[in-house]
Amino acid sequence: LWGADSLAPMGRLEGAHAGTVFGIAFYPEDGGRTFATCGADRSIKRWATTTLCMESGLPRSSLAKGCVGVGFGPMGDTLCTVESDVRICLWSVPSYARVLEVRAGADGASRAD
């Protein structure tokens, strides 16, 4: 992770993901002190910027496909993930219970579960 102002390395995210990290999102409402990552290992993780320690997350292989995007809900208590099969899920934080899943059908129409 690199500092935005200094452009100097802040540190490494040890044990972040097995494989490629495809997405990172900072939560703006807390001044960027919290961020989330997602990757090819089908996991999402929430981190503290100040310590670079993982706070919570879904373990490897929790998602159906590799996760290519992640974002925070406006209150910071929800994470949104986009998987490589175009499945979009909302997760309640910190329990990581799936709140909503939307996926495209064979006909291109969206299906919500």
C-alpha atoms as a PDB file:
ATOM      1  CA  LEU A   1       0.000   0.000   0.000  1.00  0.00           C
ATOM      2  CA  TRP A   2       1.333   3.436  -0.949  1.00  0.00           C
ATOM      3  CA  GLY A   3       0.688   6.777   0.757  1.00  0.00           C
ATOM      4  CA  ALA A   4      -1.407   9.158  -1.335  1.00  0.00           C
ATOM      5  CA  ASP A   5       0.492  12.277  -0.283  1.00  0.00           C
ATOM      6  CA  SER A   6       4.035  10.934  -0.057  1.00  0.00           C
ATOM      7  CA  LEU A   7       3.783   8.245  -2.729  1.00  0.00           C
ATOM      8  CA  ALA A   8       6.019   6.238  -0.425  1.00  0.00           C
ATOM      9  CA  PRO A   9       5.280   2.634   0.522  1.00  0.00           C
ATOM     10  CA  MET A  10       3.304   2.312   3.768  1.00  0.00           C
ATOM     11  CA  GLY A  11       3.688  -1.454   4.006  1.00  0.00           C
ATOM     12  CA  ARG A  12       2.544  -4.785   2.626  1.00  0.00           C
ATOM     13  CA  LEU A  13      -0.753  -6.499   3.257  1.00  0.00           C
ATOM     14  CA  GLU A  14       0.571  -9.758   4.629  1.00  0.00           C
ATOM     15  CA  GLY A  15      -1.647 -12.702   3.737  1.00  0.00           C
ATOM     16  CA  ALA A  16      -3.960 -10.452   1.764  1.00  0.00           C
ATOM     17  CA  HIS A  17      -5.037 -12.826  -0.977  1.00  0.00           C
ATOM     18  CA  ALA A  18      -3.828 -16.000  -2.639  1.00  0.00           C
ATOM     19  CA  GLY A  19      -3.381 -14.777  -6.189  1.00  0.00           C
ATOM     20  CA  THR A  20      -4.323 -11.530  -7.852  1.00  0.00           C
ATOM     21  CA  VAL A  21      -6.034  -8.668  -5.989  1.00  0.00           C
ATOM     22  CA  PHE A  22      -8.639  -7.320  -8.390  1.00  0.00           C
ATOM     23  CA  GLY A  23     -10.325  -4.628  -6.324  1.00  0.00           C
ATOM     24  CA  ILE A  24      -9.747  -2.165  -3.508  1.00  0.00           C
ATOM     25  CA  ALA A  25     -12.103   0.433  -2.061  1.00  0.00           C
ATOM     26  CA  PHE A  26     -11.576   2.989   0.696  1.00  0.00           C
ATOM     27  CA  TYR A  27     -14.439   4.015   2.963  1.00  0.00           C
ATOM     28  CA  PRO A  28     -14.528   7.823   2.627  1.00  0.00           C
ATOM     29  CA  GLU A  29     -16.771   8.550   5.614  1.00  0.00           C
ATOM     30  CA  ASP A  30     -14.068   7.569   8.133  1.00  0.00           C
ATOM     31  CA  GLY A  31     -11.358   9.563   6.377  1.00  0.00           C
ATOM     32  CA  GLY A  32     -10.055   6.529   4.507  1.00  0.00           C
ATOM     33  CA  ARG A  33      -9.033   4.667   7.672  1.00  0.00           C
ATOM     34  CA  THR A  34     -10.854   1.533   6.456  1.00  0.00           C
ATOM     35  CA  PHE A  35     -10.529  -0.213   3.129  1.00  0.00           C
ATOM     36  CA  ALA A  36     -11.628  -3.481   1.544  1.00  0.00           C
ATOM     37  CA  THR A  37      -9.952  -5.777  -0.966  1.00  0.00           C
ATOM     38  CA  CYS A  38     -11.145  -8.622  -3.166  1.00  0.00           C
ATOM     39  CA  GLY A  39      -9.413 -11.090  -5.380  1.00  0.00           C
ATOM     40  CA  ALA A  40      -9.116 -14.166  -7.510  1.00  0.00           C
ATOM     41  CA  ASP A  41      -9.111 -16.369  -4.378  1.00  0.00           C
ATOM     42  CA  ARG A  42     -12.864 -15.611  -4.009  1.00  0.00           C
ATOM     43  CA  SER A  43     -12.504 -13.715  -0.745  1.00  0.00           C
ATOM     44  CA  ILE A  44     -13.158 -10.194   0.539  1.00  0.00           C
ATOM     45  CA  LYS A  45     -11.280  -8.572   3.391  1.00  0.00           C
ATOM     46  CA  ARG A  46     -11.653  -5.388   5.402  1.00  0.00           C
ATOM     47  CA  TRP A  47      -8.509  -3.635   6.642  1.00  0.00           C
ATOM     48  CA  ALA A  48      -7.395  -0.778   8.906  1.00  0.00           C
ATOM     49  CA  THR A  49      -5.246   1.701   6.971  1.00  0.00           C
ATOM     50  CA  THR A  50      -3.265   2.778  10.034  1.00  0.00           C
ATOM     51  CA  THR A  51      -2.106  -0.725  11.020  1.00  0.00           C
ATOM     52  CA  LEU A  52      -2.533  -2.609   7.710  1.00  0.00           C
ATOM     53  CA  CYS A  53      -4.174  -5.358   9.769  1.00  0.00           C
ATOM     54  CA  MET A  54      -7.189  -7.265   8.509  1.00  0.00           C
ATOM     55  CA  GLU A  55     -10.252  -6.480  10.634  1.00  0.00           C
ATOM     56  CA  SER A  56     -12.753  -8.913   9.131  1.00  0.00           C
ATOM     57  CA  GLY A  57     -13.775 -10.611   5.924  1.00  0.00           C
ATOM     58  CA  LEU A  58     -14.963 -13.678   4.094  1.00  0.00           C
ATOM     59  CA  PRO A  59     -12.359 -16.450   3.861  1.00  0.00           C
ATOM     60  CA  ARG A  60     -10.925 -17.838   0.640  1.00  0.00           C
ATOM     61  CA  SER A  61     -13.373 -19.664  -1.619  1.00  0.00           C
ATOM     62  CA  SER A  62     -16.423 -18.087   0.067  1.00  0.00           C
ATOM     63  CA  LEU A  63     -17.670 -16.586  -3.176  1.00  0.00           C
ATOM     64  CA  ALA A  64     -18.835 -18.596  -6.184  1.00  0.00           C
ATOM     65  CA  LYS A  65     -16.318 -16.974  -8.563  1.00  0.00           C
ATOM     66  CA  GLY A  66     -13.324 -14.658  -8.376  1.00  0.00           C
ATOM     67  CA  CYS A  67     -14.247 -11.234  -7.053  1.00  0.00           C
ATOM     68  CA  VAL A  68     -13.410  -8.425  -9.482  1.00  0.00           C
ATOM     69  CA  GLY A  69     -14.831  -5.444  -7.603  1.00  0.00           C
ATOM     70  CA  VAL A  70     -15.687  -4.289  -4.096  1.00  0.00           C
ATOM     71  CA  GLY A  71     -17.269  -1.161  -2.631  1.00  0.00           C
ATOM     72  CA  PHE A  72     -18.737   0.225   0.584  1.00  0.00           C
ATOM     73  CA  GLY A  73     -22.336   1.160   1.260  1.00  0.00           C
ATOM     74  CA  PRO A  74     -22.938   4.743   2.433  1.00  0.00           C
ATOM     75  CA  MET A  75     -22.948   3.870   6.152  1.00  0.00           C
ATOM     76  CA  GLY A  76     -19.950   1.503   5.999  1.00  0.00           C
ATOM     77  CA  ASP A  77     -21.956  -1.438   7.329  1.00  0.00           C
ATOM     78  CA  THR A  78     -22.447  -3.010   3.891  1.00  0.00           C
ATOM     79  CA  LEU A  79     -19.980  -4.230   1.284  1.00  0.00           C
ATOM     80  CA  CYS A  80     -20.874  -4.780  -2.352  1.00  0.00           C
ATOM     81  CA  THR A  81     -19.002  -7.380  -4.395  1.00  0.00           C
ATOM     82  CA  VAL A  82     -18.977  -8.116  -8.115  1.00  0.00           C
ATOM     83  CA  GLU A  83     -17.906 -11.602  -9.112  1.00  0.00           C
ATOM     84  CA  SER A  84     -16.466 -12.614 -12.476  1.00  0.00           C
ATOM     85  CA  ASP A  85     -19.778 -14.260 -13.455  1.00  0.00           C
ATOM     86  CA  VAL A  86     -21.465 -10.839 -13.034  1.00  0.00           C
ATOM     87  CA  ARG A  87     -23.052 -11.832  -9.732  1.00  0.00           C
ATOM     88  CA  ILE A  88     -23.481  -8.773  -7.480  1.00  0.00           C
ATOM     89  CA  CYS A  89     -23.885  -9.313  -3.734  1.00  0.00           C
ATOM     90  CA  LEU A  90     -24.456  -7.070  -0.745  1.00  0.00           C
ATOM     91  CA  TRP A  91     -22.925  -8.238   2.550  1.00  0.00           C
ATOM     92  CA  SER A  92     -23.742  -7.015   6.044  1.00  0.00           C
ATOM     93  CA  VAL A  93     -20.608  -6.067   8.003  1.00  0.00           C
ATOM     94  CA  PRO A  94     -19.317  -7.388  10.392  1.00  0.00           C
ATOM     95  CA  SER A  95     -21.370 -10.628  10.181  1.00  0.00           C
ATOM     96  CA  TYR A  96     -20.872 -11.021   6.396  1.00  0.00           C
ATOM     97  CA  ALA A  97     -24.381 -12.359   6.010  1.00  0.00           C
ATOM     98  CA  ARG A  98     -25.492 -12.023   2.390  1.00  0.00           C
ATOM     99  CA  VAL A  99     -28.224  -9.380   2.230  1.00  0.00           C
ATOM    100  CA  LEU A 100     -28.924  -9.451  -1.507  1.00  0.00           C
ATOM    101  CA  GLU A 101     -27.705 -11.271  -4.598  1.00  0.00           C
ATOM    102  CA  VAL A 102     -28.400 -10.173  -8.167  1.00  0.00           C
ATOM    103  CA  ARG A 103     -27.232 -12.213 -11.142  1.00  0.00           C
ATOM    104  CA  ALA A 104     -27.821 -12.184 -14.863  1.00  0.00           C
ATOM    105  CA  GLY A 105     -29.877 -14.981 -16.361  1.00  0.00           C
ATOM    106  CA  ALA A 106     -29.116 -16.698 -19.656  1.00  0.00           C
ATOM    107  CA  ASP A 107     -31.496 -14.249 -21.337  1.00  0.00           C
ATOM    108  CA  GLY A 108     -29.582 -11.261 -19.902  1.00  0.00           C
ATOM    109  CA  ALA A 109     -32.332 -10.391 -17.441  1.00  0.00           C
ATOM    110  CA  SER A 110     -31.415  -9.744 -13.810  1.00  0.00           C
ATOM    111  CA  ARG A 111     -32.535 -12.107 -11.060  1.00  0.00           C
ATOM    112  CA  ALA A 112     -32.550 -11.110  -7.388  1.00  0.00           C
ATOM    113  CA  ASP A 113     -32.335 -13.658  -4.581  1.00  0.00           C
END
